[in-house]
Amino acid sequence: MDNRSDYKIIHNEFKKGQAQLEIEKAERVPNLEVSVNYDRGGNIMRDFIGLGLSMDLPLFNRNQGNIKIAKLELEKNKVEIEQFRIDIEREIDFLSARLSNLESSLKTMDKGFDGKLDVALERYVRNFQERRLTIVEFIDFINNYMENKESILERRAKYLQYREELTYLVGKDIV
């Protein structure tokens, strides 16, 4: 999860929610304000120096609503992180199972089958050129050759695709 940028974004949202909760809890404590005023000749006194002290009295408003909202947001972020982690683990399990199935399928396939198909194509082309085969037989072979070749290439392409998706999900190169 440390290599995933989208997980880091969700985790940063969680940290932001924690900070917001701390801010809201700090807001329930009254703020104490001290002020100093100076006025030169603007009043009946020649030089006026004034000191002020003010404080909110949160008798009825202790910022409980905003604290509750921040707590709920924090819980929502926790659930989102857990859901994201479960989704990623499920995707990784699915892709690794598909990848291992394709890998075993490619390994069990006769290693020389692809080469044998190419050799058979060369022989059929030679026999067709020497007029030992009819056009119908040649077209039938070509259709079967193309289907087999396409099947082999699709398996290899899916294998590479699943491998790249798994690499992306994990966030680093896999062997």
N, C-alpha and C. Protein backbone atom coordinates (compact mmCIF):
# COMPACT_ATOMS: atom_id res chain seq x y z
N MET A 1 0.82 -1.21 0.00
CA MET A 1 0.00 0.00 0.00
C MET A 1 0.86 1.26 0.00
N ASP A 2 2.10 1.14 0.48
CA ASP A 2 2.96 2.32 0.54
C ASP A 2 3.34 2.84 -0.83
N ASN A 3 3.28 1.99 -1.85
CA ASN A 3 3.67 2.40 -3.20
C ASN A 3 2.50 2.93 -4.02
N ARG A 4 1.31 2.91 -3.47
CA ARG A 4 0.12 3.32 -4.22
C ARG A 4 -0.20 4.78 -3.93
N SER A 5 -0.28 5.58 -4.98
CA SER A 5 -0.56 7.00 -4.80
C SER A 5 -2.01 7.23 -4.39
N ASP A 6 -2.96 6.44 -4.94
CA ASP A 6 -4.36 6.64 -4.57
C ASP A 6 -4.61 6.25 -3.12
N TYR A 7 -3.88 5.27 -2.60
CA TYR A 7 -4.00 4.93 -1.18
C TYR A 7 -3.45 6.06 -0.33
N LYS A 8 -2.35 6.66 -0.77
CA LYS A 8 -1.78 7.78 -0.02
C LYS A 8 -2.74 8.97 0.01
N ILE A 9 -3.47 9.19 -1.07
CA ILE A 9 -4.45 10.28 -1.10
C ILE A 9 -5.53 10.03 -0.06
N ILE A 10 -6.06 8.80 -0.01
CA ILE A 10 -7.10 8.49 0.96
C ILE A 10 -6.55 8.59 2.38
N HIS A 11 -5.33 8.14 2.56
CA HIS A 11 -4.71 8.21 3.90
C HIS A 11 -4.49 9.68 4.31
N ASN A 12 -4.13 10.53 3.37
CA ASN A 12 -3.97 11.96 3.67
C ASN A 12 -5.31 12.59 4.03
N GLU A 13 -6.40 12.13 3.40
CA GLU A 13 -7.74 12.62 3.76
C GLU A 13 -8.05 12.24 5.21
N PHE A 14 -7.63 11.06 5.61
CA PHE A 14 -7.82 10.63 7.00
C PHE A 14 -7.05 11.53 7.95
N LYS A 15 -5.80 11.83 7.61
CA LYS A 15 -4.99 12.72 8.45
C LYS A 15 -5.61 14.11 8.52
N LYS A 16 -6.14 14.56 7.40
CA LYS A 16 -6.81 15.86 7.36
C LYS A 16 -8.03 15.85 8.27
N GLY A 17 -8.77 14.75 8.28
CA GLY A 17 -9.92 14.63 9.17
C GLY A 17 -9.52 14.66 10.63
N GLN A 18 -8.38 14.01 10.96
CA GLN A 18 -7.89 14.06 12.34
C GLN A 18 -7.54 15.48 12.74
N ALA A 19 -6.90 16.19 11.84
CA ALA A 19 -6.52 17.58 12.14
C ALA A 19 -7.77 18.44 12.31
N GLN A 20 -8.79 18.21 11.49
CA GLN A 20 -10.03 18.97 11.60
C GLN A 20 -10.71 18.70 12.93
N LEU A 21 -10.67 17.45 13.39
CA LEU A 21 -11.25 17.12 14.69
C LEU A 21 -10.52 17.85 15.81
N GLU A 22 -9.20 17.90 15.73
CA GLU A 22 -8.43 18.62 16.74
C GLU A 22 -8.76 20.11 16.74
N ILE A 23 -8.94 20.66 15.55
CA ILE A 23 -9.30 22.08 15.45
C ILE A 23 -10.67 22.33 16.09
N GLU A 24 -11.62 21.46 15.78
CA GLU A 24 -12.97 21.64 16.33
C GLU A 24 -12.98 21.47 17.85
N LYS A 25 -12.18 20.56 18.36
CA LYS A 25 -12.09 20.41 19.82
C LYS A 25 -11.45 21.63 20.46
N ALA A 26 -10.49 22.22 19.76
CA ALA A 26 -9.84 23.42 20.29
C ALA A 26 -10.79 24.61 20.28
N GLU A 27 -11.76 24.61 19.37
CA GLU A 27 -12.71 25.72 19.27
C GLU A 27 -13.69 25.76 20.44
N ARG A 28 -13.86 24.67 21.16
CA ARG A 28 -14.82 24.69 22.27
C ARG A 28 -14.26 25.37 23.50
N VAL A 29 -12.96 25.58 23.54
CA VAL A 29 -12.33 26.32 24.64
C VAL A 29 -12.42 27.80 24.31
N PRO A 30 -12.89 28.60 25.24
CA PRO A 30 -13.05 30.03 24.93
C PRO A 30 -11.71 30.72 24.66
N ASN A 31 -11.76 31.65 23.72
CA ASN A 31 -10.57 32.42 23.37
C ASN A 31 -10.48 33.63 24.29
N LEU A 32 -9.32 33.89 24.80
CA LEU A 32 -9.06 35.03 25.66
C LEU A 32 -8.34 36.07 24.81
N GLU A 33 -8.92 37.26 24.74
CA GLU A 33 -8.33 38.32 23.92
C GLU A 33 -7.94 39.49 24.82
N VAL A 34 -6.74 39.99 24.59
CA VAL A 34 -6.22 41.15 25.32
C VAL A 34 -5.96 42.24 24.29
N SER A 35 -6.40 43.45 24.58
CA SER A 35 -6.18 44.54 23.64
C SER A 35 -5.64 45.77 24.38
N VAL A 36 -4.87 46.54 23.65
CA VAL A 36 -4.30 47.79 24.18
C VAL A 36 -4.66 48.89 23.21
N ASN A 37 -5.17 50.03 23.74
CA ASN A 37 -5.54 51.18 22.91
C ASN A 37 -4.76 52.41 23.37
N TYR A 38 -4.41 53.22 22.41
CA TYR A 38 -3.75 54.48 22.73
C TYR A 38 -4.38 55.55 21.87
N ASP A 39 -4.74 56.67 22.49
CA ASP A 39 -5.34 57.78 21.76
C ASP A 39 -4.70 59.07 22.27
N ARG A 40 -4.17 59.87 21.37
CA ARG A 40 -3.49 61.10 21.77
C ARG A 40 -4.38 62.28 21.40
N GLY A 41 -4.96 62.90 22.36
CA GLY A 41 -5.73 64.11 22.18
C GLY A 41 -7.04 63.92 21.45
N GLY A 42 -7.59 62.80 21.37
CA GLY A 42 -8.84 62.60 20.66
C GLY A 42 -10.02 62.53 21.59
N ASN A 43 -9.80 62.72 22.83
CA ASN A 43 -10.88 62.61 23.79
C ASN A 43 -10.73 63.74 24.81
N ILE A 44 -11.50 63.67 25.84
CA ILE A 44 -11.37 64.72 26.85
C ILE A 44 -10.07 64.58 27.64
N MET A 45 -9.54 63.36 27.64
CA MET A 45 -8.23 63.17 28.27
C MET A 45 -7.17 63.42 27.21
N ARG A 46 -6.07 63.96 27.63
CA ARG A 46 -5.03 64.32 26.69
C ARG A 46 -4.37 63.07 26.09
N ASP A 47 -3.87 62.17 26.88
CA ASP A 47 -3.30 60.91 26.41
C ASP A 47 -4.10 59.77 27.05
N PHE A 48 -4.75 59.01 26.19
CA PHE A 48 -5.58 57.91 26.71
C PHE A 48 -4.90 56.58 26.40
N ILE A 49 -4.67 55.80 27.41
CA ILE A 49 -4.15 54.44 27.26
C ILE A 49 -5.19 53.52 27.88
N GLY A 50 -5.68 52.59 27.06
CA GLY A 50 -6.72 51.68 27.54
C GLY A 50 -6.30 50.23 27.39
N LEU A 51 -6.68 49.43 28.32
CA LEU A 51 -6.44 47.99 28.28
C LEU A 51 -7.79 47.30 28.22
N GLY A 52 -7.87 46.24 27.40
CA GLY A 52 -9.12 45.50 27.29
C GLY A 52 -8.89 44.01 27.42
N LEU A 53 -9.86 43.35 27.95
CA LEU A 53 -9.81 41.91 28.11
C LEU A 53 -11.18 41.37 27.74
N SER A 54 -11.21 40.40 26.83
CA SER A 54 -12.51 39.83 26.45
C SER A 54 -12.38 38.32 26.34
N MET A 55 -13.52 37.67 26.58
CA MET A 55 -13.55 36.21 26.52
C MET A 55 -14.98 35.79 26.21
N ASP A 56 -15.11 34.80 25.30
CA ASP A 56 -16.43 34.25 25.00
C ASP A 56 -16.83 33.32 26.13
N LEU A 57 -18.08 33.34 26.44
CA LEU A 57 -18.60 32.42 27.44
C LEU A 57 -19.45 31.36 26.73
N PRO A 58 -18.86 30.21 26.47
CA PRO A 58 -19.61 29.18 25.74
C PRO A 58 -20.52 28.37 26.67
N LEU A 59 -21.54 29.02 27.17
CA LEU A 59 -22.44 28.32 28.08
C LEU A 59 -23.33 27.34 27.31
N PHE A 60 -23.85 27.78 26.17
CA PHE A 60 -24.76 26.93 25.41
C PHE A 60 -24.12 26.35 24.16
N ASN A 61 -23.09 26.98 23.66
CA ASN A 61 -22.45 26.51 22.43
C ASN A 61 -21.05 26.03 22.77
N ARG A 62 -20.88 24.73 22.81
CA ARG A 62 -19.56 24.16 23.08
C ARG A 62 -19.02 23.49 21.83
N ASN A 63 -19.48 23.92 20.64
CA ASN A 63 -19.02 23.44 19.34
C ASN A 63 -19.26 21.93 19.19
N GLN A 64 -20.31 21.45 19.83
CA GLN A 64 -20.58 20.02 19.81
C GLN A 64 -20.99 19.54 18.42
N GLY A 65 -21.72 20.36 17.68
CA GLY A 65 -22.15 19.97 16.34
C GLY A 65 -20.98 19.77 15.39
N ASN A 66 -20.07 20.71 15.39
CA ASN A 66 -18.92 20.60 14.50
C ASN A 66 -17.98 19.46 14.92
N ILE A 67 -17.87 19.23 16.22
CA ILE A 67 -17.06 18.10 16.70
C ILE A 67 -17.67 16.79 16.24
N LYS A 68 -19.00 16.69 16.33
CA LYS A 68 -19.69 15.47 15.89
C LYS A 68 -19.50 15.26 14.39
N ILE A 69 -19.59 16.33 13.61
CA ILE A 69 -19.38 16.24 12.15
C ILE A 69 -17.96 15.78 11.86
N ALA A 70 -16.99 16.33 12.57
CA ALA A 70 -15.59 15.94 12.34
C ALA A 70 -15.36 14.48 12.72
N LYS A 71 -15.99 14.02 13.80
CA LYS A 71 -15.85 12.61 14.19
C LYS A 71 -16.47 11.69 13.14
N LEU A 72 -17.64 12.06 12.64
CA LEU A 72 -18.29 11.25 11.61
C LEU A 72 -17.47 11.23 10.32
N GLU A 73 -16.88 12.35 9.99
CA GLU A 73 -16.02 12.41 8.81
C GLU A 73 -14.79 11.51 8.99
N LEU A 74 -14.26 11.51 10.19
CA LEU A 74 -13.11 10.65 10.49
C LEU A 74 -13.49 9.17 10.39
N GLU A 75 -14.65 8.82 10.90
CA GLU A 75 -15.13 7.43 10.79
C GLU A 75 -15.36 7.05 9.33
N LYS A 76 -15.90 7.97 8.56
CA LYS A 76 -16.12 7.72 7.13
C LYS A 76 -14.80 7.48 6.42
N ASN A 77 -13.79 8.27 6.76
CA ASN A 77 -12.46 8.08 6.16
C ASN A 77 -11.85 6.74 6.55
N LYS A 78 -12.06 6.30 7.80
CA LYS A 78 -11.56 4.99 8.22
C LYS A 78 -12.21 3.88 7.39
N VAL A 79 -13.51 3.99 7.19
CA VAL A 79 -14.24 2.97 6.42
C VAL A 79 -13.76 2.98 4.97
N GLU A 80 -13.54 4.16 4.40
CA GLU A 80 -13.05 4.26 3.02
C GLU A 80 -11.67 3.63 2.88
N ILE A 81 -10.80 3.86 3.85
CA ILE A 81 -9.46 3.27 3.79
C ILE A 81 -9.55 1.75 3.85
N GLU A 82 -10.38 1.24 4.75
CA GLU A 82 -10.53 -0.21 4.88
C GLU A 82 -11.14 -0.81 3.60
N GLN A 83 -12.15 -0.14 3.05
CA GLN A 83 -12.78 -0.63 1.82
C GLN A 83 -11.79 -0.61 0.66
N PHE A 84 -11.00 0.43 0.57
CA PHE A 84 -10.00 0.52 -0.49
C PHE A 84 -8.96 -0.59 -0.35
N ARG A 85 -8.54 -0.86 0.88
CA ARG A 85 -7.57 -1.92 1.11
C ARG A 85 -8.14 -3.28 0.71
N ILE A 86 -9.39 -3.51 1.06
CA ILE A 86 -10.04 -4.79 0.71
C ILE A 86 -10.18 -4.91 -0.80
N ASP A 87 -10.57 -3.83 -1.47
CA ASP A 87 -10.70 -3.86 -2.93
C ASP A 87 -9.38 -4.17 -3.61
N ILE A 88 -8.32 -3.53 -3.14
CA ILE A 88 -7.00 -3.77 -3.73
C ILE A 88 -6.56 -5.21 -3.49
N GLU A 89 -6.76 -5.71 -2.28
CA GLU A 89 -6.38 -7.10 -2.01
C GLU A 89 -7.17 -8.07 -2.87
N ARG A 90 -8.47 -7.79 -3.05
CA ARG A 90 -9.30 -8.66 -3.88
C ARG A 90 -8.83 -8.63 -5.34
N GLU A 91 -8.51 -7.45 -5.84
CA GLU A 91 -8.01 -7.34 -7.21
C GLU A 91 -6.67 -8.05 -7.37
N ILE A 92 -5.80 -7.91 -6.39
CA ILE A 92 -4.50 -8.57 -6.46
C ILE A 92 -4.68 -10.09 -6.45
N ASP A 93 -5.56 -10.58 -5.58
CA ASP A 93 -5.81 -12.03 -5.54
C ASP A 93 -6.38 -12.52 -6.86
N PHE A 94 -7.34 -11.78 -7.41
CA PHE A 94 -7.95 -12.19 -8.68
C PHE A 94 -6.93 -12.20 -9.80
N LEU A 95 -6.15 -11.13 -9.90
CA LEU A 95 -5.17 -11.05 -10.98
C LEU A 95 -4.05 -12.07 -10.82
N SER A 96 -3.62 -12.31 -9.59
CA SER A 96 -2.56 -13.30 -9.41
C SER A 96 -3.06 -14.70 -9.74
N ALA A 97 -4.33 -15.00 -9.43
CA ALA A 97 -4.90 -16.30 -9.79
C ALA A 97 -5.00 -16.44 -11.31
N ARG A 98 -5.48 -15.39 -11.96
CA ARG A 98 -5.59 -15.43 -13.43
C ARG A 98 -4.20 -15.54 -14.06
N LEU A 99 -3.25 -14.82 -13.50
CA LEU A 99 -1.89 -14.86 -14.03
C LEU A 99 -1.27 -16.24 -13.88
N SER A 100 -1.47 -16.86 -12.74
CA SER A 100 -0.91 -18.20 -12.54
C SER A 100 -1.60 -19.22 -13.45
N ASN A 101 -2.92 -19.07 -13.66
CA ASN A 101 -3.62 -19.97 -14.59
C ASN A 101 -3.09 -19.82 -16.01
N LEU A 102 -2.93 -18.58 -16.45
CA LEU A 102 -2.41 -18.36 -17.80
C LEU A 102 -0.96 -18.85 -17.92
N GLU A 103 -0.19 -18.63 -16.88
CA GLU A 103 1.21 -19.07 -16.91
C GLU A 103 1.29 -20.59 -17.01
N SER A 104 0.47 -21.29 -16.22
CA SER A 104 0.48 -22.75 -16.31
C SER A 104 -0.05 -23.23 -17.65
N SER A 105 -1.03 -22.52 -18.20
CA SER A 105 -1.56 -22.87 -19.52
C SER A 105 -0.50 -22.69 -20.60
N LEU A 106 0.25 -21.61 -20.50
CA LEU A 106 1.31 -21.37 -21.49
C LEU A 106 2.45 -22.38 -21.33
N LYS A 107 2.74 -22.78 -20.10
CA LYS A 107 3.82 -23.75 -19.88
C LYS A 107 3.42 -25.15 -20.33
N THR A 108 2.14 -25.52 -20.10
CA THR A 108 1.70 -26.85 -20.50
C THR A 108 1.51 -26.98 -22.00
N MET A 109 1.29 -25.85 -22.66
CA MET A 109 1.17 -25.89 -24.11
C MET A 109 2.51 -26.36 -24.69
N ASP A 110 2.42 -27.22 -25.66
CA ASP A 110 3.64 -27.77 -26.26
C ASP A 110 4.52 -26.61 -26.72
N LYS A 111 5.76 -26.59 -26.24
CA LYS A 111 6.66 -25.47 -26.54
C LYS A 111 6.95 -25.37 -28.03
N GLY A 112 6.94 -26.48 -28.70
CA GLY A 112 7.22 -26.46 -30.12
C GLY A 112 5.98 -26.32 -30.98
N PHE A 113 4.81 -26.18 -30.34
CA PHE A 113 3.56 -26.12 -31.10
C PHE A 113 3.53 -24.91 -32.03
N ASP A 114 4.00 -23.78 -31.56
CA ASP A 114 4.02 -22.57 -32.39
C ASP A 114 4.94 -22.76 -33.60
N GLY A 115 6.09 -23.35 -33.36
CA GLY A 115 7.02 -23.62 -34.47
C GLY A 115 6.47 -24.66 -35.42
N LYS A 116 5.79 -25.68 -34.87
CA LYS A 116 5.20 -26.71 -35.73
C LYS A 116 4.11 -26.13 -36.62
N LEU A 117 3.37 -25.16 -36.09
CA LEU A 117 2.35 -24.50 -36.90
C LEU A 117 2.99 -23.77 -38.08
N ASP A 118 4.09 -23.08 -37.82
CA ASP A 118 4.76 -22.34 -38.89
C ASP A 118 5.34 -23.30 -39.94
N VAL A 119 5.90 -24.42 -39.50
CA VAL A 119 6.43 -25.42 -40.44
C VAL A 119 5.29 -26.00 -41.28
N ALA A 120 4.16 -26.29 -40.63
CA ALA A 120 3.01 -26.82 -41.36
C ALA A 120 2.51 -25.81 -42.39
N LEU A 121 2.52 -24.53 -42.04
CA LEU A 121 2.10 -23.50 -42.99
C LEU A 121 3.01 -23.48 -44.21
N GLU A 122 4.32 -23.55 -43.96
CA GLU A 122 5.26 -23.56 -45.09
C GLU A 122 5.01 -24.76 -45.99
N ARG A 123 4.76 -25.92 -45.41
CA ARG A 123 4.51 -27.13 -46.22
C ARG A 123 3.20 -27.01 -47.00
N TYR A 124 2.17 -26.48 -46.36
CA TYR A 124 0.91 -26.32 -47.07
C TYR A 124 1.04 -25.32 -48.21
N VAL A 125 1.78 -24.24 -47.98
CA VAL A 125 1.98 -23.26 -49.06
C VAL A 125 2.75 -23.90 -50.21
N ARG A 126 3.78 -24.67 -49.91
CA ARG A 126 4.56 -25.35 -50.95
C ARG A 126 3.68 -26.35 -51.71
N ASN A 127 2.90 -27.14 -50.98
CA ASN A 127 2.01 -28.10 -51.63
C ASN A 127 0.93 -27.41 -52.46
N PHE A 128 0.46 -26.26 -51.98
CA PHE A 128 -0.54 -25.53 -52.77
C PHE A 128 0.09 -24.95 -54.03
N GLN A 129 1.33 -24.47 -53.91
CA GLN A 129 2.01 -23.93 -55.09
C GLN A 129 2.30 -25.02 -56.12
N GLU A 130 2.55 -26.21 -55.64
CA GLU A 130 2.82 -27.33 -56.54
C GLU A 130 1.54 -28.03 -56.96
N ARG A 131 0.40 -27.48 -56.62
CA ARG A 131 -0.94 -27.93 -57.00
C ARG A 131 -1.27 -29.34 -56.48
N ARG A 132 -0.79 -29.65 -55.31
CA ARG A 132 -1.14 -30.92 -54.68
C ARG A 132 -2.38 -30.78 -53.80
N LEU A 133 -2.76 -29.54 -53.49
CA LEU A 133 -3.92 -29.25 -52.67
C LEU A 133 -4.93 -28.42 -53.46
N THR A 134 -6.18 -28.59 -53.12
CA THR A 134 -7.21 -27.74 -53.73
C THR A 134 -7.30 -26.45 -52.93
N ILE A 135 -7.97 -25.49 -53.52
CA ILE A 135 -8.12 -24.20 -52.84
C ILE A 135 -8.95 -24.33 -51.58
N VAL A 136 -9.92 -25.22 -51.56
CA VAL A 136 -10.78 -25.42 -50.40
C VAL A 136 -9.97 -25.98 -49.23
N GLU A 137 -9.11 -26.96 -49.51
CA GLU A 137 -8.27 -27.53 -48.46
C GLU A 137 -7.29 -26.50 -47.91
N PHE A 138 -6.74 -25.71 -48.83
CA PHE A 138 -5.77 -24.68 -48.41
C PHE A 138 -6.46 -23.61 -47.55
N ILE A 139 -7.64 -23.16 -47.96
CA ILE A 139 -8.36 -22.13 -47.19
C ILE A 139 -8.77 -22.69 -45.84
N ASP A 140 -9.20 -23.95 -45.80
CA ASP A 140 -9.56 -24.58 -44.52
C ASP A 140 -8.35 -24.62 -43.59
N PHE A 141 -7.19 -24.99 -44.11
CA PHE A 141 -5.98 -25.02 -43.28
C PHE A 141 -5.62 -23.61 -42.80
N ILE A 142 -5.69 -22.64 -43.70
CA ILE A 142 -5.34 -21.26 -43.33
C ILE A 142 -6.27 -20.76 -42.22
N ASN A 143 -7.56 -21.06 -42.31
CA ASN A 143 -8.50 -20.64 -41.26
C ASN A 143 -8.14 -21.28 -39.92
N ASN A 144 -7.84 -22.58 -39.93
CA ASN A 144 -7.44 -23.26 -38.69
C ASN A 144 -6.12 -22.72 -38.16
N TYR A 145 -5.18 -22.45 -39.06
CA TYR A 145 -3.88 -21.89 -38.67
C TYR A 145 -4.08 -20.53 -38.00
N MET A 146 -4.91 -19.69 -38.60
CA MET A 146 -5.15 -18.34 -38.05
C MET A 146 -5.83 -18.43 -36.68
N GLU A 147 -6.78 -19.34 -36.52
CA GLU A 147 -7.45 -19.48 -35.23
C GLU A 147 -6.47 -19.93 -34.15
N ASN A 148 -5.64 -20.90 -34.47
CA ASN A 148 -4.66 -21.39 -33.50
C ASN A 148 -3.63 -20.32 -33.15
N LYS A 149 -3.15 -19.63 -34.16
CA LYS A 149 -2.15 -18.57 -33.93
C LYS A 149 -2.76 -17.44 -33.10
N GLU A 150 -4.00 -17.09 -33.44
CA GLU A 150 -4.69 -16.03 -32.70
C GLU A 150 -4.90 -16.44 -31.24
N SER A 151 -5.24 -17.68 -31.00
CA SER A 151 -5.44 -18.18 -29.64
C SER A 151 -4.14 -18.10 -28.84
N ILE A 152 -3.06 -18.51 -29.46
CA ILE A 152 -1.75 -18.46 -28.77
C ILE A 152 -1.37 -17.02 -28.45
N LEU A 153 -1.53 -16.14 -29.42
CA LEU A 153 -1.16 -14.74 -29.21
C LEU A 153 -2.07 -14.05 -28.20
N GLU A 154 -3.35 -14.40 -28.18
CA GLU A 154 -4.26 -13.82 -27.19
C GLU A 154 -3.88 -14.25 -25.78
N ARG A 155 -3.50 -15.52 -25.61
CA ARG A 155 -3.07 -15.98 -24.29
C ARG A 155 -1.83 -15.23 -23.83
N ARG A 156 -0.88 -15.07 -24.74
CA ARG A 156 0.34 -14.33 -24.37
C ARG A 156 0.03 -12.87 -24.06
N ALA A 157 -0.85 -12.27 -24.84
CA ALA A 157 -1.22 -10.87 -24.61
C ALA A 157 -1.95 -10.71 -23.28
N LYS A 158 -2.86 -11.62 -22.97
CA LYS A 158 -3.57 -11.55 -21.69
C LYS A 158 -2.60 -11.76 -20.53
N TYR A 159 -1.67 -12.67 -20.71
CA TYR A 159 -0.66 -12.90 -19.67
C TYR A 159 0.11 -11.60 -19.39
N LEU A 160 0.57 -10.95 -20.45
CA LEU A 160 1.32 -9.70 -20.27
C LEU A 160 0.43 -8.59 -19.69
N GLN A 161 -0.82 -8.55 -20.13
CA GLN A 161 -1.74 -7.54 -19.62
C GLN A 161 -1.99 -7.74 -18.12
N TYR A 162 -2.28 -8.97 -17.70
CA TYR A 162 -2.51 -9.24 -16.28
C TYR A 162 -1.26 -8.97 -15.46
N ARG A 163 -0.12 -9.25 -16.04
CA ARG A 163 1.14 -9.00 -15.34
C ARG A 163 1.34 -7.49 -15.13
N GLU A 164 1.04 -6.70 -16.16
CA GLU A 164 1.17 -5.25 -16.02
C GLU A 164 0.14 -4.70 -15.03
N GLU A 165 -1.08 -5.20 -15.06
CA GLU A 165 -2.09 -4.74 -14.11
C GLU A 165 -1.69 -5.08 -12.67
N LEU A 166 -1.15 -6.28 -12.48
CA LEU A 166 -0.70 -6.67 -11.15
C LEU A 166 0.48 -5.80 -10.70
N THR A 167 1.37 -5.49 -11.63
CA THR A 167 2.49 -4.60 -11.31
C THR A 167 1.97 -3.22 -10.89
N TYR A 168 0.95 -2.73 -11.60
CA TYR A 168 0.37 -1.43 -11.25
C TYR A 168 -0.29 -1.49 -9.88
N LEU A 169 -1.05 -2.55 -9.62
CA LEU A 169 -1.75 -2.65 -8.33
C LEU A 169 -0.79 -2.77 -7.17
N VAL A 170 0.29 -3.52 -7.37
CA VAL A 170 1.26 -3.69 -6.29
C VAL A 170 2.09 -2.42 -6.13
N GLY A 171 2.34 -1.75 -7.22
CA GLY A 171 3.08 -0.50 -7.14
C GLY A 171 4.56 -0.65 -7.36
N LYS A 172 5.02 -1.85 -7.69
CA LYS A 172 6.42 -2.06 -8.00
C LYS A 172 6.52 -3.27 -8.95
N ASP A 173 7.67 -3.42 -9.57
CA ASP A 173 7.86 -4.50 -10.54
C ASP A 173 7.81 -5.85 -9.84
N ILE A 174 7.13 -6.79 -10.49
CA ILE A 174 7.08 -8.16 -9.99
C ILE A 174 7.85 -9.04 -10.96
N VAL A 175 8.37 -10.11 -10.45
CA VAL A 175 9.14 -11.03 -11.30
C VAL A 175 8.23 -12.14 -11.73
